[in-house]
PDB file of all heavy atoms in Angstrom:
ATOM      1  N   THR A   1      26.019   9.072  95.293  1.00  0.00           N
ATOM      2  CA  THR A   1      26.441  10.461  95.516  1.00  0.00           C
ATOM      3  C   THR A   1      25.348  11.284  96.178  1.00  0.00           C
ATOM      4  O   THR A   1      25.634  12.281  96.841  1.00  0.00           O
ATOM      5  CB  THR A   1      26.832  11.118  94.180  1.00  0.00           C
ATOM      6  OG1 THR A   1      25.732  10.989  93.255  1.00  0.00           O
ATOM      7  CG2 THR A   1      28.048  10.443  93.579  1.00  0.00           C
ATOM      8  N   SER A   2      24.100  10.863  96.006  1.00  0.00           N
ATOM      9  CA  SER A   2      22.995  11.600  96.619  1.00  0.00           C
ATOM     10  C   SER A   2      23.113  11.600  98.138  1.00  0.00           C
ATOM     11  O   SER A   2      22.677  12.550  98.801  1.00  0.00           O
ATOM     12  CB  SER A   2      21.658  10.998  96.197  1.00  0.00           C
ATOM     13  OG  SER A   2      21.585   9.620  96.546  1.00  0.00           O
ATOM     14  N   MET A   3      23.724  10.557  98.708  1.00  0.00           N
ATOM     15  CA  MET A   3      23.901  10.501 100.158  1.00  0.00           C
ATOM     16  C   MET A   3      24.932  11.518 100.629  1.00  0.00           C
ATOM     17  O   MET A   3      24.778  12.144 101.673  1.00  0.00           O
ATOM     18  CB  MET A   3      24.341   9.091 100.572  1.00  0.00           C
ATOM     19  CG  MET A   3      23.301   8.012 100.327  1.00  0.00           C
ATOM     20  SD  MET A   3      21.854   8.169 101.386  1.00  0.00           S
ATOM     21  CE  MET A   3      22.544   7.795 102.983  1.00  0.00           C
ATOM     22  N   SER A   4      25.981  11.686  99.844  1.00  0.00           N
ATOM     23  CA  SER A   4      27.037  12.624 100.229  1.00  0.00           C
ATOM     24  C   SER A   4      26.593  14.073 100.135  1.00  0.00           C
ATOM     25  O   SER A   4      27.246  14.965 100.676  1.00  0.00           O
ATOM     26  CB  SER A   4      28.270  12.410  99.341  1.00  0.00           C
ATOM     27  OG  SER A   4      27.959  12.673  97.983  1.00  0.00           O
ATOM     28  N   LYS A   5      25.470  14.307  99.467  1.00  0.00           N
ATOM     29  CA  LYS A   5      24.976  15.669  99.297  1.00  0.00           C
ATOM     30  C   LYS A   5      23.925  16.059 100.329  1.00  0.00           C
ATOM     31  O   LYS A   5      23.363  17.154 100.262  1.00  0.00           O
ATOM     32  CB  LYS A   5      24.408  15.834  97.885  1.00  0.00           C
ATOM     33  CG  LYS A   5      25.452  15.709  96.783  1.00  0.00           C
ATOM     34  CD  LYS A   5      24.838  15.868  95.407  1.00  0.00           C
ATOM     35  CE  LYS A   5      25.895  15.722  94.316  1.00  0.00           C
ATOM     36  NZ  LYS A   5      25.300  15.841  92.960  1.00  0.00           N
ATOM     37  N   LEU A   6      23.649  15.157 101.281  1.00  0.00           N
ATOM     38  CA  LEU A   6      22.687  15.486 102.321  1.00  0.00           C
ATOM     39  C   LEU A   6      23.237  16.638 103.159  1.00  0.00           C
ATOM     40  O   LEU A   6      24.310  16.520 103.756  1.00  0.00           O
ATOM     41  CB  LEU A   6      22.422  14.267 103.203  1.00  0.00           C
ATOM     42  CG  LEU A   6      21.665  13.119 102.531  1.00  0.00           C
ATOM     43  CD1 LEU A   6      21.641  11.885 103.421  1.00  0.00           C
ATOM     44  CD2 LEU A   6      20.253  13.551 102.182  1.00  0.00           C
ATOM     45  N   PRO A   7      22.535  17.754 103.253  1.00  0.00           N
ATOM     46  CA  PRO A   7      23.085  18.972 103.850  1.00  0.00           C
ATOM     47  C   PRO A   7      23.362  18.900 105.349  1.00  0.00           C
ATOM     48  O   PRO A   7      24.252  19.590 105.849  1.00  0.00           O
ATOM     49  CB  PRO A   7      22.013  20.028 103.547  1.00  0.00           C
ATOM     50  CG  PRO A   7      20.745  19.250 103.387  1.00  0.00           C
ATOM     51  CD  PRO A   7      21.151  17.945 102.763  1.00  0.00           C
ATOM     52  N   LYS A   8      22.636  18.048 106.101  1.00  0.00           N
ATOM     53  CA  LYS A   8      22.786  18.016 107.553  1.00  0.00           C
ATOM     54  C   LYS A   8      23.434  16.738 108.073  1.00  0.00           C
ATOM     55  O   LYS A   8      23.536  16.540 109.284  1.00  0.00           O
ATOM     56  CB  LYS A   8      21.412  18.207 108.214  1.00  0.00           C
ATOM     57  CG  LYS A   8      20.767  19.548 107.906  1.00  0.00           C
ATOM     58  CD  LYS A   8      19.459  19.728 108.671  1.00  0.00           C
ATOM     59  CE  LYS A   8      18.836  21.088 108.363  1.00  0.00           C
ATOM     60  NZ  LYS A   8      17.579  21.301 109.124  1.00  0.00           N
ATOM     61  N   LEU A   9      23.881  15.880 107.165  1.00  0.00           N
ATOM     62  CA  LEU A   9      24.467  14.608 107.571  1.00  0.00           C
ATOM     63  C   LEU A   9      25.772  14.812 108.343  1.00  0.00           C
ATOM     64  O   LEU A   9      26.701  15.450 107.852  1.00  0.00           O
ATOM     65  CB  LEU A   9      24.719  13.733 106.342  1.00  0.00           C
ATOM     66  CG  LEU A   9      25.101  12.278 106.623  1.00  0.00           C
ATOM     67  CD1 LEU A   9      23.964  11.555 107.333  1.00  0.00           C
ATOM     68  CD2 LEU A   9      25.464  11.561 105.342  1.00  0.00           C
ATOM     69  N   LYS A  10      25.831  14.255 109.562  1.00  0.00           N
ATOM     70  CA  LYS A  10      27.014  14.379 110.400  1.00  0.00           C
ATOM     71  C   LYS A  10      27.701  13.037 110.640  1.00  0.00           C
ATOM     72  O   LYS A  10      28.900  12.993 110.897  1.00  0.00           O
ATOM     73  CB  LYS A  10      26.635  14.993 111.755  1.00  0.00           C
ATOM     74  CG  LYS A  10      26.148  16.441 111.679  1.00  0.00           C
ATOM     75  CD  LYS A  10      25.848  16.981 113.062  1.00  0.00           C
ATOM     76  CE  LYS A  10      25.398  18.442 112.998  1.00  0.00           C
ATOM     77  NZ  LYS A  10      25.094  18.971 114.350  1.00  0.00           N
ATOM     78  N   LYS A  11      26.939  11.960 110.555  1.00  0.00           N
ATOM     79  CA  LYS A  11      27.511  10.646 110.848  1.00  0.00           C
ATOM     80  C   LYS A  11      27.003   9.618 109.846  1.00  0.00           C
ATOM     81  O   LYS A  11      25.798   9.459 109.675  1.00  0.00           O
ATOM     82  CB  LYS A  11      27.144  10.217 112.273  1.00  0.00           C
ATOM     83  CG  LYS A  11      27.756   8.884 112.686  1.00  0.00           C
ATOM     84  CD  LYS A  11      27.384   8.543 114.125  1.00  0.00           C
ATOM     85  CE  LYS A  11      27.983   7.205 114.551  1.00  0.00           C
ATOM     86  NZ  LYS A  11      27.620   6.864 115.946  1.00  0.00           N
ATOM     87  N   LEU A  12      27.935   8.918 109.195  1.00  0.00           N
ATOM     88  CA  LEU A  12      27.602   7.860 108.245  1.00  0.00           C
ATOM     89  C   LEU A  12      28.448   6.640 108.578  1.00  0.00           C
ATOM     90  O   LEU A  12      29.659   6.651 108.414  1.00  0.00           O
ATOM     91  CB  LEU A  12      27.868   8.314 106.809  1.00  0.00           C
ATOM     92  CG  LEU A  12      27.616   7.281 105.701  1.00  0.00           C
ATOM     93  CD1 LEU A  12      26.162   6.843 105.696  1.00  0.00           C
ATOM     94  CD2 LEU A  12      28.003   7.837 104.341  1.00  0.00           C
ATOM     95  N   ASN A  13      27.789   5.583 109.062  1.00  0.00           N
ATOM     96  CA  ASN A  13      28.486   4.363 109.469  1.00  0.00           C
ATOM     97  C   ASN A  13      28.330   3.302 108.386  1.00  0.00           C
ATOM     98  O   ASN A  13      27.245   2.766 108.182  1.00  0.00           O
ATOM     99  CB  ASN A  13      27.919   3.864 110.799  1.00  0.00           C
ATOM    100  CG  ASN A  13      28.699   2.673 111.352  1.00  0.00           C
ATOM    101  OD1 ASN A  13      29.530   2.077 110.666  1.00  0.00           O
ATOM    102  ND2 ASN A  13      28.446   2.326 112.596  1.00  0.00           N
ATOM    103  N   VAL A  14      29.411   3.004 107.673  1.00  0.00           N
ATOM    104  CA  VAL A  14      29.381   1.996 106.604  1.00  0.00           C
ATOM    105  C   VAL A  14      30.421   0.904 106.863  1.00  0.00           C
ATOM    106  O   VAL A  14      30.910   0.269 105.929  1.00  0.00           O
ATOM    107  CB  VAL A  14      29.620   2.652 105.227  1.00  0.00           C
ATOM    108  CG1 VAL A  14      28.477   3.550 104.851  1.00  0.00           C
ATOM    109  CG2 VAL A  14      30.943   3.414 105.213  1.00  0.00           C
ATOM    110  N   LYS A  15      30.732   0.653 108.108  1.00  0.00           N
ATOM    111  CA  LYS A  15      31.746  -0.342 108.448  1.00  0.00           C
ATOM    112  C   LYS A  15      31.332  -1.746 108.019  1.00  0.00           C
ATOM    113  O   LYS A  15      30.156  -2.072 107.944  1.00  0.00           O
ATOM    114  CB  LYS A  15      31.998  -0.328 109.961  1.00  0.00           C
ATOM    115  CG  LYS A  15      32.628   0.956 110.477  1.00  0.00           C
ATOM    116  CD  LYS A  15      32.848   0.882 111.976  1.00  0.00           C
ATOM    117  CE  LYS A  15      33.505   2.156 112.500  1.00  0.00           C
ATOM    118  NZ  LYS A  15      33.709   2.108 113.967  1.00  0.00           N
ATOM    119  N   ARG A  16      32.359  -2.546 107.711  1.00  0.00           N
ATOM    120  CA  ARG A  16      32.185  -3.965 107.364  1.00  0.00           C
ATOM    121  C   ARG A  16      31.256  -4.179 106.179  1.00  0.00           C
ATOM    122  O   ARG A  16      30.330  -4.986 106.228  1.00  0.00           O
ATOM    123  CB  ARG A  16      31.715  -4.750 108.599  1.00  0.00           C
ATOM    124  CG  ARG A  16      32.756  -4.787 109.723  1.00  0.00           C
ATOM    125  CD  ARG A  16      32.245  -5.526 110.939  1.00  0.00           C
ATOM    126  NE  ARG A  16      31.094  -4.875 111.539  1.00  0.00           N
ATOM    127  CZ  ARG A  16      31.162  -3.849 112.376  1.00  0.00           C
ATOM    128  NH1 ARG A  16      32.347  -3.324 112.700  1.00  0.00           N
ATOM    129  NH2 ARG A  16      30.067  -3.320 112.888  1.00  0.00           N
ATOM    130  N   ASN A  17      31.505  -3.440 105.118  1.00  0.00           N
ATOM    131  CA  ASN A  17      30.871  -3.660 103.820  1.00  0.00           C
ATOM    132  C   ASN A  17      31.977  -4.022 102.831  1.00  0.00           C
ATOM    133  O   ASN A  17      33.127  -3.596 102.995  1.00  0.00           O
ATOM    134  CB  ASN A  17      30.126  -2.407 103.355  1.00  0.00           C
ATOM    135  CG  ASN A  17      28.738  -2.307 103.955  1.00  0.00           C
ATOM    136  OD1 ASN A  17      27.801  -2.965 103.528  1.00  0.00           O
ATOM    137  ND2 ASN A  17      28.599  -1.460 104.979  1.00  0.00           N
ATOM    138  N   PRO A  18      31.683  -4.788 101.797  1.00  0.00           N
ATOM    139  CA  PRO A  18      32.727  -5.223 100.851  1.00  0.00           C
ATOM    140  C   PRO A  18      33.091  -4.169  99.810  1.00  0.00           C
ATOM    141  O   PRO A  18      33.011  -4.416  98.604  1.00  0.00           O
ATOM    142  CB  PRO A  18      32.091  -6.461 100.195  1.00  0.00           C
ATOM    143  CG  PRO A  18      30.629  -6.171 100.212  1.00  0.00           C
ATOM    144  CD  PRO A  18      30.375  -5.437 101.519  1.00  0.00           C
ATOM    145  N   PHE A  19      33.491  -2.985 100.276  1.00  0.00           N
ATOM    146  CA  PHE A  19      33.910  -1.939  99.350  1.00  0.00           C
ATOM    147  C   PHE A  19      35.228  -2.335  98.678  1.00  0.00           C
ATOM    148  O   PHE A  19      36.057  -3.015  99.285  1.00  0.00           O
ATOM    149  CB  PHE A  19      34.102  -0.606 100.079  1.00  0.00           C
ATOM    150  CG  PHE A  19      32.841  -0.034 100.633  1.00  0.00           C
ATOM    151  CD1 PHE A  19      32.657   0.099 101.997  1.00  0.00           C
ATOM    152  CD2 PHE A  19      31.822   0.384  99.796  1.00  0.00           C
ATOM    153  CE1 PHE A  19      31.492   0.624 102.514  1.00  0.00           C
ATOM    154  CE2 PHE A  19      30.657   0.917 100.294  1.00  0.00           C
ATOM    155  CZ  PHE A  19      30.485   1.034 101.659  1.00  0.00           C
ATOM    156  N   PRO A  20      35.456  -1.910  97.421  1.00  0.00           N
ATOM    157  CA  PRO A  20      36.734  -2.190  96.754  1.00  0.00           C
ATOM    158  C   PRO A  20      37.890  -1.580  97.536  1.00  0.00           C
ATOM    159  O   PRO A  20      37.760  -0.500  98.127  1.00  0.00           O
ATOM    160  CB  PRO A  20      36.573  -1.505  95.387  1.00  0.00           C
ATOM    161  CG  PRO A  20      35.098  -1.391  95.173  1.00  0.00           C
ATOM    162  CD  PRO A  20      34.509  -1.195  96.546  1.00  0.00           C
ATOM    163  N   ASP A  21      39.014  -2.295  97.559  1.00  0.00           N
ATOM    164  CA  ASP A  21      40.195  -1.834  98.274  1.00  0.00           C
ATOM    165  C   ASP A  21      40.828  -0.667  97.514  1.00  0.00           C
ATOM    166  O   ASP A  21      41.314  -0.850  96.403  1.00  0.00           O
ATOM    167  CB  ASP A  21      41.191  -2.984  98.412  1.00  0.00           C
ATOM    168  CG  ASP A  21      42.390  -2.604  99.268  1.00  0.00           C
ATOM    169  OD1 ASP A  21      42.456  -1.444  99.719  1.00  0.00           O
ATOM    170  OD2 ASP A  21      43.250  -3.472  99.490  1.00  0.00           O
ATOM    171  N   PRO A  22      40.848   0.537  98.102  1.00  0.00           N
ATOM    172  CA  PRO A  22      41.407   1.691  97.381  1.00  0.00           C
ATOM    173  C   PRO A  22      42.912   1.607  97.174  1.00  0.00           C
ATOM    174  O   PRO A  22      43.471   2.288  96.327  1.00  0.00           O
ATOM    175  CB  PRO A  22      41.050   2.875  98.295  1.00  0.00           C
ATOM    176  CG  PRO A  22      40.912   2.273  99.654  1.00  0.00           C
ATOM    177  CD  PRO A  22      40.359   0.891  99.444  1.00  0.00           C
ATOM    178  N   THR A  23      43.583   0.733  97.963  1.00  0.00           N
ATOM    179  CA  THR A  23      45.041   0.606  97.836  1.00  0.00           C
ATOM    180  C   THR A  23      45.444  -0.376  96.750  1.00  0.00           C
ATOM    181  O   THR A  23      46.611  -0.480  96.411  1.00  0.00           O
ATOM    182  CB  THR A  23      45.646   0.147  99.167  1.00  0.00           C
ATOM    183  OG1 THR A  23      45.116  -1.153  99.502  1.00  0.00           O
ATOM    184  CG2 THR A  23      45.284   1.124 100.290  1.00  0.00           C
ATOM    185  N   GLN A  24      44.461  -1.121  96.241  1.00  0.00           N
ATOM    186  CA  GLN A  24      44.781  -2.118  95.212  1.00  0.00           C
ATOM    187  C   GLN A  24      45.152  -1.437  93.903  1.00  0.00           C
ATOM    188  O   GLN A  24      44.437  -0.584  93.409  1.00  0.00           O
ATOM    189  CB  GLN A  24      43.582  -3.040  95.002  1.00  0.00           C
ATOM    190  CG  GLN A  24      43.872  -4.212  94.078  1.00  0.00           C
ATOM    191  CD  GLN A  24      42.674  -5.154  93.973  1.00  0.00           C
ATOM    192  OE1 GLN A  24      41.649  -4.891  94.569  1.00  0.00           O
ATOM    193  NE2 GLN A  24      42.846  -6.219  93.228  1.00  0.00           N
ATOM    194  N   GLN A  25      46.273  -1.814  93.339  1.00  0.00           N
ATOM    195  CA  GLN A  25      46.747  -1.204  92.106  1.00  0.00           C
ATOM    196  C   GLN A  25      45.954  -1.710  90.917  1.00  0.00           C
ATOM    197  O   GLN A  25      45.540  -2.868  90.876  1.00  0.00           O
ATOM    198  CB  GLN A  25      48.233  -1.508  91.891  1.00  0.00           C
ATOM    199  CG  GLN A  25      49.137  -0.869  92.940  1.00  0.00           C
ATOM    200  CD  GLN A  25      50.585  -1.151  92.638  1.00  0.00           C
ATOM    201  OE1 GLN A  25      50.911  -1.935  91.750  1.00  0.00           O
ATOM    202  NE2 GLN A  25      51.476  -0.499  93.359  1.00  0.00           N
ATOM    203  N   GLU A  26      45.773  -0.848  89.970  1.00  0.00           N
ATOM    204  CA  GLU A  26      45.071  -1.240  88.755  1.00  0.00           C
ATOM    205  C   GLU A  26      45.947  -2.145  87.899  1.00  0.00           C
ATOM    206  O   GLU A  26      47.171  -2.083  87.934  1.00  0.00           O
ATOM    207  CB  GLU A  26      44.682   0.005  87.939  1.00  0.00           C
ATOM    208  CG  GLU A  26      43.675   0.893  88.669  1.00  0.00           C
ATOM    209  CD  GLU A  26      43.284   2.073  87.805  1.00  0.00           C
ATOM    210  OE1 GLU A  26      43.812   2.173  86.675  1.00  0.00           O
ATOM    211  OE2 GLU A  26      42.463   2.877  88.256  1.00  0.00           O
ATOM    212  N   GLU A  27      45.315  -2.987  87.121  1.00  0.00           N
ATOM    213  CA  GLU A  27      46.051  -3.858  86.221  1.00  0.00           C
ATOM    214  C   GLU A  27      46.713  -3.044  85.125  1.00  0.00           C
ATOM    215  O   GLU A  27      46.223  -1.988  84.747  1.00  0.00           O
ATOM    216  CB  GLU A  27      45.101  -4.888  85.601  1.00  0.00           C
ATOM    217  CG  GLU A  27      44.484  -5.831  86.616  1.00  0.00           C
ATOM    218  CD  GLU A  27      43.577  -6.842  85.954  1.00  0.00           C
ATOM    219  OE1 GLU A  27      43.456  -6.789  84.706  1.00  0.00           O
ATOM    220  OE2 GLU A  27      43.012  -7.679  86.661  1.00  0.00           O
ATOM    221  N   PRO A  28      47.860  -3.517  84.599  1.00  0.00           N
ATOM    222  CA  PRO A  28      48.530  -2.803  83.514  1.00  0.00           C
ATOM    223  C   PRO A  28      47.603  -2.604  82.323  1.00  0.00           C
ATOM    224  O   PRO A  28      46.803  -3.475  81.993  1.00  0.00           O
ATOM    225  CB  PRO A  28      49.700  -3.734  83.148  1.00  0.00           C
ATOM    226  CG  PRO A  28      49.921  -4.560  84.371  1.00  0.00           C
ATOM    227  CD  PRO A  28      48.584  -4.726  85.022  1.00  0.00           C
ATOM    228  N   VAL A  29      47.710  -1.454  81.694  1.00  0.00           N
ATOM    229  CA  VAL A  29      46.862  -1.156  80.545  1.00  0.00           C
ATOM    230  C   VAL A  29      47.286  -1.997  79.355  1.00  0.00           C
ATOM    231  O   VAL A  29      48.460  -2.032  78.991  1.00  0.00           O
ATOM    232  CB  VAL A  29      46.962   0.343  80.193  1.00  0.00           C
ATOM    233  CG1 VAL A  29      46.079   0.654  78.991  1.00  0.00           C
ATOM    234  CG2 VAL A  29      46.535   1.179  81.385  1.00  0.00           C
ATOM    235  N   ASP A  30      46.370  -2.703  78.765  1.00  0.00           N
ATOM    236  CA  ASP A  30      46.664  -3.522  77.600  1.00  0.00           C
ATOM    237  C   ASP A  30      46.926  -2.620  76.393  1.00  0.00           C
ATOM    238  O   ASP A  30      46.191  -1.684  76.136  1.00  0.00           O
ATOM    239  CB  ASP A  30      45.475  -4.452  77.317  1.00  0.00           C
ATOM    240  CG  ASP A  30      45.788  -5.401  76.179  1.00  0.00           C
ATOM    241  OD1 ASP A  30      45.540  -5.005  75.035  1.00  0.00           O
ATOM    242  OD2 ASP A  30      46.278  -6.504  76.450  1.00  0.00           O
ATOM    243  N   SER A  31      47.988  -2.930  75.650  1.00  0.00           N
ATOM    244  CA  SER A  31      48.377  -2.055  74.541  1.00  0.00           C
ATOM    245  C   SER A  31      47.312  -1.983  73.458  1.00  0.00           C
ATOM    246  O   SER A  31      47.091  -0.946  72.850  1.00  0.00           O
ATOM    247  CB  SER A  31      49.695  -2.564  73.929  1.00  0.00           C
ATOM    248  OG  SER A  31      49.536  -3.895  73.465  1.00  0.00           O
ATOM    249  N   ILE A  32      46.622  -3.097  73.203  1.00  0.00           N
ATOM    250  CA  ILE A  32      45.589  -3.108  72.175  1.00  0.00           C
ATOM    251  C   ILE A  32      44.395  -2.282  72.613  1.00  0.00           C
ATOM    252  O   ILE A  32      43.801  -1.553  71.833  1.00  0.00           O
ATOM    253  CB  ILE A  32      45.165  -4.551  71.851  1.00  0.00           C
ATOM    254  CG1 ILE A  32      46.371  -5.335  71.330  1.00  0.00           C
ATOM    255  CG2 ILE A  32      44.046  -4.561  70.818  1.00  0.00           C
ATOM    256  CD1 ILE A  32      46.998  -4.714  70.092  1.00  0.00           C
ATOM    257  N   LYS A  33      44.060  -2.367  73.915  1.00  0.00           N
ATOM    258  CA  LYS A  33      42.961  -1.561  74.424  1.00  0.00           C
ATOM    259  C   LYS A  33      43.267  -0.083  74.271  1.00  0.00           C
ATOM    260  O   LYS A  33      42.411   0.732  73.981  1.00  0.00           O
ATOM    261  CB  LYS A  33      42.697  -1.899  75.894  1.00  0.00           C
ATOM    262  CG  LYS A  33      42.080  -3.280  76.105  1.00  0.00           C
ATOM    263  CD  LYS A  33      41.794  -3.526  77.570  1.00  0.00           C
ATOM    264  CE  LYS A  33      41.168  -4.901  77.776  1.00  0.00           C
ATOM    265  NZ  LYS A  33      40.900  -5.171  79.205  1.00  0.00           N
ATOM    266  N   ARG A  34      44.530   0.289  74.481  1.00  0.00           N
ATOM    267  CA  ARG A  34      44.917   1.691  74.317  1.00  0.00           C
ATOM    268  C   ARG A  34      44.759   2.107  72.860  1.00  0.00           C
ATOM    269  O   ARG A  34      44.305   3.197  72.559  1.00  0.00           O
ATOM    270  CB  ARG A  34      46.362   1.892  74.764  1.00  0.00           C
ATOM    271  CG  ARG A  34      46.560   1.803  76.265  1.00  0.00           C
ATOM    272  CD  ARG A  34      47.991   2.114  76.634  1.00  0.00           C
ATOM    273  NE  ARG A  34      48.346   3.449  76.237  1.00  0.00           N
ATOM    274  CZ  ARG A  34      49.605   3.912  76.277  1.00  0.00           C
ATOM    275  NH1 ARG A  34      50.588   3.124  76.669  1.00  0.00           N
ATOM    276  NH2 ARG A  34      49.866   5.143  75.912  1.00  0.00           N
ATOM    277  N   THR A  35      45.161   1.229  71.957  1.00  0.00           N
ATOM    278  CA  THR A  35      45.077   1.553  70.539  1.00  0.00           C
ATOM    279  C   THR A  35      43.640   1.771  70.106  1.00  0.00           C
ATOM    280  O   THR A  35      43.333   2.639  69.299  1.00  0.00           O
ATOM    281  CB  THR A  35      45.704   0.417  69.697  1.00  0.00           C
ATOM    282  OG1 THR A  35      47.042   0.212  70.124  1.00  0.00           O
ATOM    283  CG2 THR A  35      45.671   0.754  68.230  1.00  0.00           C
ATOM    284  N   GLU A  36      42.722   1.020  70.697  1.00  0.00           N
ATOM    285  CA  GLU A  36      41.318   1.129  70.315  1.00  0.00           C
ATOM    286  C   GLU A  36      40.700   2.463  70.702  1.00  0.00           C
ATOM    287  O   GLU A  36      39.672   2.861  70.174  1.00  0.00           O
ATOM    288  CB  GLU A  36      40.518  -0.014  70.951  1.00  0.00           C
ATOM    289  CG  GLU A  36      40.822  -1.363  70.339  1.00  0.00           C
ATOM    290  CD  GLU A  36      40.097  -2.476  71.050  1.00  0.00           C
ATOM    291  OE1 GLU A  36      39.565  -2.220  72.145  1.00  0.00           O
ATOM    292  OE2 GLU A  36      40.059  -3.582  70.507  1.00  0.00           O
ATOM    293  N   THR A  37      41.366   3.162  71.609  1.00  0.00           N
ATOM    294  CA  THR A  37      40.834   4.454  72.037  1.00  0.00           C
ATOM    295  C   THR A  37      41.468   5.620  71.294  1.00  0.00           C
ATOM    296  O   THR A  37      41.176   6.761  71.582  1.00  0.00           O
ATOM    297  CB  THR A  37      41.058   4.652  73.536  1.00  0.00           C
ATOM    298  OG1 THR A  37      42.460   4.699  73.806  1.00  0.00           O
ATOM    299  CG2 THR A  37      40.427   3.516  74.336  1.00  0.00           C
ATOM    300  N   LEU A  38      42.375   5.316  70.325  1.00  0.00           N
ATOM    301  CA  LEU A  38      43.075   6.358  69.595  1.00  0.00           C
ATOM    302  C   LEU A  38      42.683   6.331  68.120  1.00  0.00           C
ATOM    303  O   LEU A  38      42.201   5.331  67.607  1.00  0.00           O
ATOM    304  CB  LEU A  38      44.590   6.155  69.724  1.00  0.00           C
ATOM    305  CG  LEU A  38      45.159   6.212  71.146  1.00  0.00           C
ATOM    306  CD1 LEU A  38      46.631   5.847  71.126  1.00  0.00           C
ATOM    307  CD2 LEU A  38      44.953   7.587  71.763  1.00  0.00           C
ATOM    308  N   TYR A  39      42.915   7.463  67.470  1.00  0.00           N
ATOM    309  CA  TYR A  39      42.665   7.532  66.028  1.00  0.00           C
ATOM    310  C   TYR A  39      43.842   6.920  65.278  1.00  0.00           C
ATOM    311  O   TYR A  39      44.994   7.080  65.674  1.00  0.00           O
ATOM    312  CB  TYR A  39      42.474   8.982  65.580  1.00  0.00           C
ATOM    313  CG  TYR A  39      41.216   9.601  66.119  1.00  0.00           C
ATOM    314  CD1 TYR A  39      41.272  10.496  67.174  1.00  0.00           C
ATOM    315  CD2 TYR A  39      39.966   9.286  65.574  1.00  0.00           C
ATOM    316  CE1 TYR A  39      40.111  11.066  67.689  1.00  0.00           C
ATOM    317  CE2 TYR A  39      38.810   9.844  66.074  1.00  0.00           C
ATOM    318  CZ  TYR A  39      38.883  10.738  67.132  1.00  0.00           C
ATOM    319  OH  TYR A  39      37.741  11.296  67.628  1.00  0.00           O
ATOM    320  N   LEU A  40      43.575   6.236  64.161  1.00  0.00           N
ATOM    321  CA  LEU A  40      44.617   5.617  63.352  1.00  0.00           C
ATOM    322  C   LEU A  40      44.737   6.356  62.021  1.00  0.00           C
ATOM    323  O   LEU A  40      43.744   6.575  61.336  1.00  0.00           O
ATOM    324  CB  LEU A  40      44.273   4.142  63.100  1.00  0.00           C
ATOM    325  CG  LEU A  40      44.104   3.278  64.358  1.00  0.00           C
ATOM    326  CD1 LEU A  40      43.683   1.861  63.971  1.00  0.00           C
ATOM    327  CD2 LEU A  40      45.395   3.243  65.154  1.00  0.00           C
ATOM    328  N   VAL A  41      45.976   6.718  61.687  1.00  0.00           N
ATOM    329  CA  VAL A  41      46.213   7.424  60.428  1.00  0.00           C
ATOM    330  C   VAL A  41      47.416   6.790  59.732  1.00  0.00           C
ATOM    331  O   VAL A  41      48.203   6.061  60.335  1.00  0.00           O
ATOM    332  CB  VAL A  41      46.477   8.937  60.651  1.00  0.00           C
ATOM    333  CG1 VAL A  41      45.273   9.597  61.282  1.00  0.00           C
ATOM    334  CG2 VAL A  41      47.724   9.135  61.496  1.00  0.00           C
ATOM    335  N   GLN A  42      47.579   7.094  58.458  1.00  0.00           N
ATOM    336  CA  GLN A  42      48.723   6.576  57.711  1.00  0.00           C
ATOM    337  C   GLN A  42      49.865   7.576  57.741  1.00  0.00           C
ATOM    338  O   GLN A  42      49.682   8.773  57.957  1.00  0.00           O
ATOM    339  CB  GLN A  42      48.305   6.281  56.274  1.00  0.00           C
ATOM    340  CG  GLN A  42      47.235   5.181  56.187  1.00  0.00           C
ATOM    341  CD  GLN A  42      46.976   4.755  54.766  1.00  0.00           C
ATOM    342  OE1 GLN A  42      47.779   5.022  53.884  1.00  0.00           O
ATOM    343  NE2 GLN A  42      45.843   4.098  54.552  1.00  0.00           N
ATOM    344  N   GLU A  43      51.078   7.067  57.498  1.00  0.00           N
ATOM    345  CA  GLU A  43      52.281   7.891  57.631  1.00  0.00           C
ATOM    346  C   GLU A  43      52.274   9.093  56.699  1.00  0.00           C
ATOM    347  O   GLU A  43      52.751  10.166  57.050  1.00  0.00           O
ATOM    348  CB  GLU A  43      53.524   7.029  57.345  1.00  0.00           C
ATOM    349  CG  GLU A  43      53.759   5.954  58.399  1.00  0.00           C
ATOM    350  CD  GLU A  43      55.050   5.195  58.127  1.00  0.00           C
ATOM    351  OE1 GLU A  43      55.885   5.725  57.368  1.00  0.00           O
ATOM    352  OE2 GLU A  43      55.216   4.087  58.666  1.00  0.00           O
ATOM    353  N   LYS A  44      51.728   8.948  55.516  1.00  0.00           N
ATOM    354  CA  LYS A  44      51.761  10.027  54.530  1.00  0.00           C
ATOM    355  C   LYS A  44      50.948  11.247  54.960  1.00  0.00           C
ATOM    356  O   LYS A  44      51.103  12.332  54.408  1.00  0.00           O
ATOM    357  CB  LYS A  44      51.247   9.509  53.181  1.00  0.00           C
ATOM    358  CG  LYS A  44      49.779   9.072  53.193  1.00  0.00           C
ATOM    359  CD  LYS A  44      49.364   8.520  51.838  1.00  0.00           C
ATOM    360  CE  LYS A  44      47.896   8.114  51.827  1.00  0.00           C
ATOM    361  NZ  LYS A  44      47.009   9.259  52.056  1.00  0.00           N
TER     362      LYS A  44
END
């Protein structure tokens, strides 16, 4: 991010680097992983 904050930068050539494909869809969220991020309480 420090590069994007350069105040006078006009040209940045980063062609042909193995950047992640932004169009690639994320994998489905695993239900157990979701549960691990939530609080667990009892019905009462």
